[in-house]
């Protein structure tokens, strides 16, 4: 469940980057999606552990 943001944001970033700037935009979009996915995954896991 924690890795779900990565699975959602990586292809979304790839697609948006490809639509706006072609192949190089797809690379930047995928990198940005991966970074945002990892960040949101870490925040999600931290929020789950902080409830105790």
C-alpha atoms as a PDB file:
ATOM      1  CA  UNK A   1       0.000   0.000   0.000  1.00  0.00           C
ATOM      2  CA  UNK A   2       2.865   2.363   0.734  1.00  0.00           C
ATOM      3  CA  UNK A   3       4.318   2.093  -2.777  1.00  0.00           C
ATOM      4  CA  UNK A   4       1.034   3.043  -4.467  1.00  0.00           C
ATOM      5  CA  UNK A   5       1.984   6.740  -4.933  1.00  0.00           C
ATOM      6  CA  UNK A   6       5.064   5.690  -6.918  1.00  0.00           C
ATOM      7  CA  UNK A   7       2.973   3.459  -9.169  1.00  0.00           C
ATOM      8  CA  UNK A   8       0.532   6.301  -9.790  1.00  0.00           C
ATOM      9  CA  UNK A   9       2.836   9.302 -10.120  1.00  0.00           C
ATOM     10  CA  UNK A  10       5.611   7.753 -12.243  1.00  0.00           C
ATOM     11  CA  UNK A  11       3.420   6.954 -15.291  1.00  0.00           C
ATOM     12  CA  UNK A  12       1.426  10.145 -14.793  1.00  0.00           C
ATOM     13  CA  UNK A  13       4.603  12.229 -14.842  1.00  0.00           C
ATOM     14  CA  UNK A  14       5.874  10.307 -17.857  1.00  0.00           C
ATOM     15  CA  UNK A  15       2.670  10.914 -19.789  1.00  0.00           C
ATOM     16  CA  UNK A  16       2.423  14.601 -18.957  1.00  0.00           C
ATOM     17  CA  UNK A  17       6.090  15.151 -19.783  1.00  0.00           C
ATOM     18  CA  UNK A  18       5.718  13.330 -23.090  1.00  0.00           C
ATOM     19  CA  UNK A  19       2.678  15.394 -24.048  1.00  0.00           C
ATOM     20  CA  UNK A  20       4.426  18.694 -23.375  1.00  0.00           C
ATOM     21  CA  UNK A  21       8.014  18.073 -24.504  1.00  0.00           C
ATOM     22  CA  UNK A  22       8.342  14.728 -26.278  1.00  0.00           C
ATOM     23  CA  UNK A  23      11.023  12.223 -25.291  1.00  0.00           C
ATOM     24  CA  UNK A  24      13.140  14.496 -23.122  1.00  0.00           C
ATOM     25  CA  UNK A  25      10.032  15.749 -21.330  1.00  0.00           C
ATOM     26  CA  UNK A  26       9.006  12.161 -20.676  1.00  0.00           C
ATOM     27  CA  UNK A  27      12.337  11.526 -18.977  1.00  0.00           C
ATOM     28  CA  UNK A  28      12.027  14.640 -16.818  1.00  0.00           C
ATOM     29  CA  UNK A  29       8.379  13.866 -16.054  1.00  0.00           C
ATOM     30  CA  UNK A  30       9.164  10.297 -15.042  1.00  0.00           C
ATOM     31  CA  UNK A  31      11.980  11.511 -12.782  1.00  0.00           C
ATOM     32  CA  UNK A  32       9.731  14.106 -11.197  1.00  0.00           C
ATOM     33  CA  UNK A  33       6.941  11.547 -10.772  1.00  0.00           C
ATOM     34  CA  UNK A  34       9.367   9.120  -9.159  1.00  0.00           C
ATOM     35  CA  UNK A  35      10.654  11.778  -6.773  1.00  0.00           C
ATOM     36  CA  UNK A  36       7.145  12.911  -5.799  1.00  0.00           C
ATOM     37  CA  UNK A  37       6.021   9.302  -5.434  1.00  0.00           C
ATOM     38  CA  UNK A  38       8.900   8.448  -3.113  1.00  0.00           C
ATOM     39  CA  UNK A  39       8.305  11.590  -1.078  1.00  0.00           C
ATOM     40  CA  UNK A  40       4.590  10.931  -0.693  1.00  0.00           C
ATOM     41  CA  UNK A  41       5.289   7.275   0.119  1.00  0.00           C
ATOM     42  CA  UNK A  42       7.637   8.318   2.921  1.00  0.00           C
ATOM     43  CA  UNK A  43       5.092  10.817   4.259  1.00  0.00           C
ATOM     44  CA  UNK A  44       2.354   8.185   4.134  1.00  0.00           C
ATOM     45  CA  UNK A  45       4.426   5.635   6.031  1.00  0.00           C
ATOM     46  CA  UNK A  46       5.466   8.279   8.577  1.00  0.00           C
ATOM     47  CA  UNK A  47       1.813   9.232   9.089  1.00  0.00           C
ATOM     48  CA  UNK A  48       0.857   5.596   9.660  1.00  0.00           C
ATOM     49  CA  UNK A  49       3.617   5.064  12.191  1.00  0.00           C
ATOM     50  CA  UNK A  50       2.876   8.336  13.967  1.00  0.00           C
ATOM     51  CA  UNK A  51      -0.632   7.307  14.962  1.00  0.00           C
ATOM     52  CA  UNK A  52       0.527   5.027  17.748  1.00  0.00           C
END
